[in-house]
Amino acid sequence: MQASRLLSILMLLQGHGRLSAAVLAAELSVSTRTILRDMDQLSAAGVPVWADRGREGGFVLREGWSTQLTGLTSDEAQALSLAGLPTAATELGLGQAATAARLKMLAALPARLRDDAERIRTRLHIDPVDWYRAASPPVHLQAVADAVWRQRLLQIRYESWKGISERQIKPLGLVLKAGIWYLAALADGQTQARTYRLSNIQQLIPGMTGFVYPKTFRLAAYWQAATQRFETDIYTGRAVVLATPQGLRHIKEFSALVAEAASRSAKPESAGWTQLTLPIESIEHAARQLLGLAAEVQVLQPAALRRLMRQRIAAMASLYPD
């Protein structure tokens, strides 16, 4: 840990120039006293680091000197692709490795490019978590990630809408979608990958046995096809509605597929209403969604949805007698 910290101090000084002990301590999550001891060790090892006193003081490397110890460790190399996703890197157990990899990359850049890279880092933040949802990583995330990196079989107990089952799987890749982690994997005897939500894994036993990764599998292409298939399959019906301008805006917030259908089918009617043909998951689900729009929407078809809307509206009205 100390050797890694000493190298990180060199990377920070090489990347930023003069830095105070307090700033270095905050960056590396140690005490100022620890930083001062580290500086003594660096100096004793022949590193030309100087301490400038005063208000604008701090530690600085001799002008023109740079370390050549910029080789990436295995963890740091894995963390490179997560450099813009600090939350994901931390949840995967690669937070410190991502920081170290970033420092090494900065140290290897010319001064001009280094300044540009730091400017972008401090002015761009990527938040992968959806609104109104706490970021809580699944219990088994790091164990699953390790199996993905090492191509190791996993034995899992998994809860789906069909019930609880136990299966052995080949983990092929992880996906972070709107703050939720998913796993693409091949179950025993299957030739097509399936998607598993990590929070639904009740128990996991890491295996020591490896497997041959499918040469034709591409995670990004698989996920795009799987999400398109999910969105297409989940909408099993159609509804025709009238919507006010405000109602139309809210309907377009239901999902991208609904928004596209609303725009494509929009037919202006009298008094500012617009007729729309929308995909729906079910009569029950559509009623819950459309009731939230109150008088901004009116259902024309199907008849079953109109009846359910009337029943729900009547039940609500009975709760508020004069």
Protein backbone atom coordinates (compact mmCIF):
# COMPACT_ATOMS: atom_id res chain seq x y z
CA MET A 1 0.00 0.00 0.00
CA GLN A 2 2.81 2.45 0.86
CA ALA A 3 4.65 1.79 -2.41
CA SER A 4 1.41 2.35 -4.34
CA ARG A 5 0.80 5.59 -2.41
CA LEU A 6 4.33 6.87 -3.09
CA LEU A 7 3.84 6.25 -6.80
CA SER A 8 0.47 8.00 -6.67
CA ILE A 9 2.12 11.03 -5.03
CA LEU A 10 4.63 11.16 -7.88
CA MET A 11 1.83 10.93 -10.45
CA LEU A 12 -0.11 13.72 -8.74
CA LEU A 13 2.90 16.03 -8.55
CA GLN A 14 3.88 15.25 -12.11
CA GLY A 15 0.34 15.85 -13.32
CA HIS A 16 -0.53 18.96 -11.30
CA GLY A 17 2.76 20.62 -10.41
CA ARG A 18 2.87 22.16 -6.91
CA LEU A 19 0.47 20.59 -4.37
CA SER A 20 0.18 21.12 -0.62
CA ALA A 21 0.37 18.28 1.90
CA ALA A 22 -3.29 18.87 2.78
CA VAL A 23 -4.40 18.48 -0.85
CA LEU A 24 -2.34 15.31 -1.29
CA ALA A 25 -3.73 13.89 1.95
CA ALA A 26 -7.31 14.54 0.84
CA GLU A 27 -6.69 13.04 -2.60
CA LEU A 28 -5.17 9.84 -1.16
CA SER A 29 -7.42 9.56 1.93
CA VAL A 30 -4.56 9.65 4.45
CA SER A 31 -3.39 12.09 7.12
CA THR A 32 -1.14 15.07 6.46
CA ARG A 33 1.46 13.51 8.77
CA THR A 34 1.51 10.40 6.55
CA ILE A 35 2.14 12.58 3.49
CA LEU A 36 5.06 14.33 5.24
CA ARG A 37 6.60 10.95 6.11
CA ASP A 38 6.13 9.83 2.50
CA MET A 39 7.90 12.95 1.27
CA ASP A 40 10.88 12.19 3.50
CA GLN A 41 11.04 8.68 2.02
CA LEU A 42 10.83 9.97 -1.55
CA SER A 43 13.61 12.45 -0.88
CA ALA A 44 15.77 9.78 0.76
CA ALA A 45 15.25 7.58 -2.30
CA GLY A 46 16.72 10.30 -4.53
CA VAL A 47 13.51 11.74 -5.93
CA PRO A 48 14.08 15.51 -6.47
CA VAL A 49 11.01 16.77 -4.59
CA TRP A 50 11.17 20.21 -2.96
CA ALA A 51 9.02 21.84 -0.28
CA ASP A 52 8.16 25.51 -0.80
CA ARG A 53 6.91 27.25 2.31
CA GLY A 54 4.43 30.08 2.54
CA ARG A 55 0.87 30.76 1.44
CA GLU A 56 1.45 29.55 -2.15
CA GLY A 57 3.81 26.79 -1.05
CA GLY A 58 3.63 23.05 -1.36
CA PHE A 59 5.59 20.15 -2.73
CA VAL A 60 6.96 20.25 -6.26
CA LEU A 61 9.22 18.08 -8.41
CA ARG A 62 12.35 19.53 -9.94
CA GLU A 63 11.55 21.11 -13.30
CA GLY A 64 12.01 18.67 -16.16
CA TRP A 65 12.08 15.57 -13.93
CA SER A 66 9.50 12.83 -14.45
CA THR A 67 9.11 9.26 -13.28
CA GLN A 68 9.09 6.37 -15.70
CA LEU A 69 7.16 4.13 -13.30
CA THR A 70 3.88 4.42 -15.18
CA GLY A 71 3.14 0.78 -15.97
CA LEU A 72 -0.48 -0.26 -15.34
CA THR A 73 -1.37 -3.12 -13.01
CA SER A 74 -3.96 -5.71 -14.06
CA ASP A 75 -6.73 -4.07 -12.00
CA GLU A 76 -5.82 -0.62 -13.33
CA ALA A 77 -5.97 -1.85 -16.91
CA GLN A 78 -9.45 -3.29 -16.26
CA ALA A 79 -10.51 0.01 -14.71
CA LEU A 80 -9.48 2.11 -17.72
CA SER A 81 -12.83 1.56 -19.46
CA LEU A 82 -14.60 2.74 -16.29
CA ALA A 83 -12.66 6.00 -15.97
CA GLY A 84 -15.78 8.03 -16.79
CA LEU A 85 -18.04 5.96 -14.52
CA PRO A 86 -16.68 6.34 -10.98
CA THR A 87 -19.85 4.90 -9.41
CA ALA A 88 -19.65 1.74 -11.52
CA ALA A 89 -15.92 1.37 -10.85
CA THR A 90 -16.47 1.65 -7.10
CA GLU A 91 -19.34 -0.87 -7.10
CA LEU A 92 -17.14 -3.32 -9.02
CA GLY A 93 -14.34 -2.90 -6.47
CA LEU A 94 -12.13 -1.03 -8.95
CA GLY A 95 -12.49 2.51 -7.57
CA GLN A 96 -8.90 2.87 -6.35
CA ALA A 97 -7.55 1.14 -9.44
CA ALA A 98 -9.48 3.56 -11.69
CA THR A 99 -7.99 6.53 -9.83
CA ALA A 100 -4.47 5.12 -10.10
CA ALA A 101 -4.92 4.37 -13.81
CA ARG A 102 -6.15 7.91 -14.45
CA LEU A 103 -3.12 9.37 -12.66
CA LYS A 104 -0.74 7.22 -14.70
CA MET A 105 -2.39 8.23 -17.95
CA LEU A 106 -2.17 11.90 -16.99
CA ALA A 107 1.49 11.57 -16.08
CA ALA A 108 2.26 10.06 -19.50
CA LEU A 109 0.60 12.92 -21.41
CA PRO A 110 2.35 16.09 -22.60
CA ALA A 111 1.53 19.13 -20.46
CA ARG A 112 -0.89 20.65 -23.00
CA LEU A 113 -2.91 17.46 -23.42
CA ARG A 114 -2.78 16.84 -19.67
CA ASP A 115 -4.45 20.18 -19.00
CA ASP A 116 -7.18 19.42 -21.56
CA ALA A 117 -7.84 16.00 -20.03
CA GLU A 118 -8.07 17.40 -16.50
CA ARG A 119 -10.37 20.20 -17.65
CA ILE A 120 -12.80 17.68 -19.15
CA ARG A 121 -12.65 15.45 -16.06
CA THR A 122 -13.53 18.32 -13.73
CA ARG A 123 -16.34 19.62 -15.96
CA LEU A 124 -18.08 16.42 -17.03
CA HIS A 125 -19.89 14.12 -14.59
CA ILE A 126 -21.73 10.95 -15.65
CA ASP A 127 -24.47 9.71 -13.31
CA PRO A 128 -25.77 6.27 -14.37
CA VAL A 129 -28.46 6.08 -11.68
CA ASP A 130 -32.07 6.83 -12.65
CA TRP A 131 -34.10 9.56 -10.91
CA TYR A 132 -35.63 8.78 -7.51
CA ARG A 133 -33.57 5.61 -7.11
CA ALA A 134 -30.86 5.03 -4.54
CA ALA A 135 -27.62 3.59 -5.84
CA SER A 136 -27.33 0.28 -4.00
CA PRO A 137 -25.12 -2.32 -5.71
CA PRO A 138 -26.34 -5.95 -5.62
CA VAL A 139 -24.81 -8.16 -2.94
CA HIS A 140 -23.13 -10.49 -5.45
CA LEU A 141 -21.91 -7.87 -7.95
CA GLN A 142 -18.18 -8.16 -7.30
CA ALA A 143 -18.27 -11.97 -7.23
CA VAL A 144 -20.16 -12.02 -10.54
CA ALA A 145 -17.76 -9.48 -12.04
CA ASP A 146 -14.77 -11.59 -11.00
CA ALA A 147 -16.33 -14.63 -12.71
CA VAL A 148 -16.92 -12.57 -15.85
CA TRP A 149 -13.32 -11.33 -15.98
CA ARG A 150 -11.86 -14.79 -15.27
CA GLN A 151 -14.37 -16.81 -17.37
CA ARG A 152 -15.47 -18.98 -14.43
CA LEU A 153 -18.70 -20.96 -14.15
CA LEU A 154 -21.24 -19.82 -11.53
CA GLN A 155 -23.85 -21.77 -9.61
CA ILE A 156 -26.80 -19.50 -8.75
CA ARG A 157 -30.19 -19.61 -7.09
CA TYR A 158 -32.31 -17.19 -9.10
CA GLU A 159 -35.78 -15.73 -8.58
CA SER A 160 -37.76 -14.87 -11.71
CA TRP A 161 -41.46 -14.31 -12.36
CA LYS A 162 -41.71 -18.08 -12.91
CA GLY A 163 -40.36 -18.84 -9.43
CA ILE A 164 -37.03 -19.81 -7.84
CA SER A 165 -34.62 -22.11 -9.67
CA GLU A 166 -31.02 -23.25 -9.40
CA ARG A 167 -28.77 -23.33 -12.42
CA GLN A 168 -25.18 -23.31 -13.57
CA ILE A 169 -24.31 -20.45 -15.92
CA LYS A 170 -21.46 -19.13 -18.04
CA PRO A 171 -21.25 -15.38 -17.26
CA LEU A 172 -20.56 -13.48 -20.50
CA GLY A 173 -20.89 -9.81 -19.59
CA LEU A 174 -22.25 -7.15 -17.24
CA VAL A 175 -24.56 -4.26 -18.15
CA LEU A 176 -25.42 -1.23 -16.03
CA LYS A 177 -28.81 0.11 -17.16
CA ALA A 178 -30.31 3.14 -15.36
CA GLY A 179 -28.58 2.20 -12.11
CA ILE A 180 -29.53 -1.51 -12.29
CA TRP A 181 -26.97 -4.25 -12.94
CA TYR A 182 -27.74 -7.10 -15.37
CA LEU A 183 -25.77 -10.18 -16.39
CA ALA A 184 -25.74 -11.78 -19.83
CA ALA A 185 -25.08 -15.49 -19.41
CA LEU A 186 -25.48 -18.92 -20.94
CA ALA A 187 -27.29 -21.49 -18.83
CA ASP A 188 -26.31 -25.17 -18.99
CA GLY A 189 -27.53 -26.79 -22.19
CA GLN A 190 -28.56 -23.46 -23.77
CA THR A 191 -27.16 -21.97 -26.96
CA GLN A 192 -28.73 -18.52 -26.60
CA ALA A 193 -27.68 -16.06 -23.90
CA ARG A 194 -30.24 -14.81 -21.39
CA THR A 195 -30.41 -11.72 -19.20
CA TYR A 196 -30.33 -12.01 -15.40
CA ARG A 197 -31.01 -9.14 -13.01
CA LEU A 198 -28.28 -9.31 -10.37
CA SER A 199 -30.55 -8.21 -7.52
CA ASN A 200 -32.65 -11.35 -8.18
CA ILE A 201 -29.72 -13.69 -7.46
CA GLN A 202 -30.48 -15.08 -4.01
CA GLN A 203 -27.40 -17.26 -3.63
CA LEU A 204 -24.18 -17.60 -5.57
CA ILE A 205 -21.39 -20.16 -5.48
CA PRO A 206 -18.29 -19.13 -7.46
CA GLY A 207 -16.87 -21.98 -9.48
CA MET A 208 -13.24 -22.85 -10.10
CA THR A 209 -13.96 -24.32 -13.53
CA GLY A 210 -13.38 -22.18 -16.56
CA PHE A 211 -15.30 -22.18 -19.83
CA VAL A 212 -14.66 -21.29 -23.45
CA TYR A 213 -16.02 -17.85 -24.29
CA PRO A 214 -18.24 -17.90 -27.42
CA LYS A 215 -16.24 -16.38 -30.27
CA THR A 216 -19.32 -14.86 -31.91
CA PHE A 217 -20.79 -13.24 -28.78
CA ARG A 218 -20.71 -9.42 -28.70
CA LEU A 219 -22.13 -7.91 -25.52
CA ALA A 220 -23.17 -4.55 -26.99
CA ALA A 221 -24.97 -6.16 -29.94
CA TYR A 222 -26.64 -8.72 -27.66
CA TRP A 223 -27.90 -6.03 -25.27
CA GLN A 224 -29.28 -3.86 -28.07
CA ALA A 225 -31.18 -6.79 -29.56
CA ALA A 226 -32.40 -7.96 -26.13
CA THR A 227 -33.76 -4.53 -25.14
CA GLN A 228 -35.50 -4.10 -28.49
CA ARG A 229 -37.02 -7.56 -28.16
CA PHE A 230 -38.14 -6.82 -24.59
CA GLU A 231 -39.78 -3.52 -25.54
CA THR A 232 -41.52 -5.13 -28.51
CA ASP A 233 -42.74 -8.20 -26.60
CA ILE A 234 -43.95 -6.31 -23.53
CA TYR A 235 -46.48 -4.24 -25.51
CA THR A 236 -49.13 -6.79 -26.43
CA GLY A 237 -52.07 -4.48 -27.20
CA ARG A 238 -53.14 -1.15 -28.65
CA ALA A 239 -55.26 1.71 -27.32
CA VAL A 240 -56.78 4.67 -29.14
CA VAL A 241 -57.03 7.82 -27.04
CA LEU A 242 -57.67 11.54 -27.28
CA ALA A 243 -55.13 13.75 -25.53
CA THR A 244 -54.78 17.45 -24.78
CA PRO A 245 -51.42 19.10 -25.57
CA GLN A 246 -50.38 18.61 -21.94
CA GLY A 247 -51.61 15.02 -21.98
CA LEU A 248 -49.61 14.35 -25.14
CA ARG A 249 -46.44 15.65 -23.47
CA HIS A 250 -46.98 13.33 -20.49
CA ILE A 251 -47.75 10.33 -22.70
CA LYS A 252 -44.44 10.79 -24.50
CA GLU A 253 -42.70 10.36 -21.13
CA PHE A 254 -44.08 6.79 -20.70
CA SER A 255 -41.29 5.22 -22.80
CA ALA A 256 -39.35 5.79 -26.01
CA LEU A 257 -41.52 3.26 -27.88
CA VAL A 258 -44.75 4.93 -26.73
CA ALA A 259 -43.37 8.36 -27.60
CA GLU A 260 -42.47 7.19 -31.11
CA ALA A 261 -45.94 5.66 -31.62
CA ALA A 262 -47.63 8.81 -30.32
CA SER A 263 -45.71 11.04 -32.73
CA ARG A 264 -46.28 8.69 -35.67
CA SER A 265 -50.04 8.27 -35.12
CA ALA A 266 -50.98 11.80 -34.02
CA LYS A 267 -54.14 13.11 -35.75
CA PRO A 268 -55.31 16.61 -34.72
CA GLU A 269 -58.99 16.76 -33.70
CA SER A 270 -61.29 19.63 -32.78
CA ALA A 271 -60.91 21.77 -29.64
CA GLY A 272 -57.17 21.10 -29.39
CA TRP A 273 -57.43 17.34 -28.85
CA THR A 274 -55.14 14.88 -30.66
CA GLN A 275 -56.02 11.28 -31.46
CA LEU A 276 -53.27 8.75 -30.78
CA THR A 277 -52.79 5.01 -31.20
CA LEU A 278 -50.57 3.73 -28.39
CA PRO A 279 -48.97 0.36 -27.57
CA ILE A 280 -50.01 -0.94 -24.14
CA GLU A 281 -48.69 -3.74 -21.92
CA SER A 282 -52.13 -4.78 -20.65
CA ILE A 283 -55.56 -3.32 -19.88
CA GLU A 284 -54.68 -3.08 -16.18
CA HIS A 285 -51.33 -1.41 -16.75
CA ALA A 286 -52.73 1.04 -19.28
CA ALA A 287 -55.52 2.04 -16.89
CA ARG A 288 -53.02 2.78 -14.10
CA GLN A 289 -50.90 4.94 -16.41
CA LEU A 290 -53.72 6.85 -18.10
CA LEU A 291 -55.63 7.53 -14.88
CA GLY A 292 -52.62 9.51 -13.75
CA LEU A 293 -53.29 11.98 -16.57
CA ALA A 294 -56.79 12.76 -15.22
CA ALA A 295 -58.86 14.88 -17.68
CA GLU A 296 -55.92 15.32 -20.07
CA VAL A 297 -56.73 12.04 -21.84
CA GLN A 298 -59.86 10.17 -22.97
CA VAL A 299 -59.85 6.48 -23.96
CA LEU A 300 -61.77 5.59 -27.15
CA GLN A 301 -60.69 1.96 -27.62
CA PRO A 302 -60.58 -0.85 -26.62
CA ALA A 303 -63.95 -1.17 -24.90
CA ALA A 304 -62.43 -3.19 -22.03
CA LEU A 305 -60.08 -0.32 -21.20
CA ARG A 306 -62.93 2.23 -21.32
CA ARG A 307 -64.96 0.08 -18.91
CA LEU A 308 -62.08 -0.29 -16.48
CA MET A 309 -61.40 3.47 -16.62
CA ARG A 310 -65.08 4.16 -15.77
CA GLN A 311 -64.99 1.68 -12.90
CA ARG A 312 -61.82 3.16 -11.43
CA ILE A 313 -63.06 6.73 -11.81
CA ALA A 314 -66.38 5.82 -10.14
CA ALA A 315 -64.54 4.09 -7.28
CA MET A 316 -62.35 7.16 -6.79
CA ALA A 317 -65.38 9.49 -6.87
CA SER A 318 -67.08 7.41 -4.17
CA LEU A 319 -64.19 8.18 -1.84
CA TYR A 320 -64.93 11.90 -2.08
CA PRO A 321 -68.69 12.41 -1.47
CA ASP A 322 -70.10 15.93 -1.27
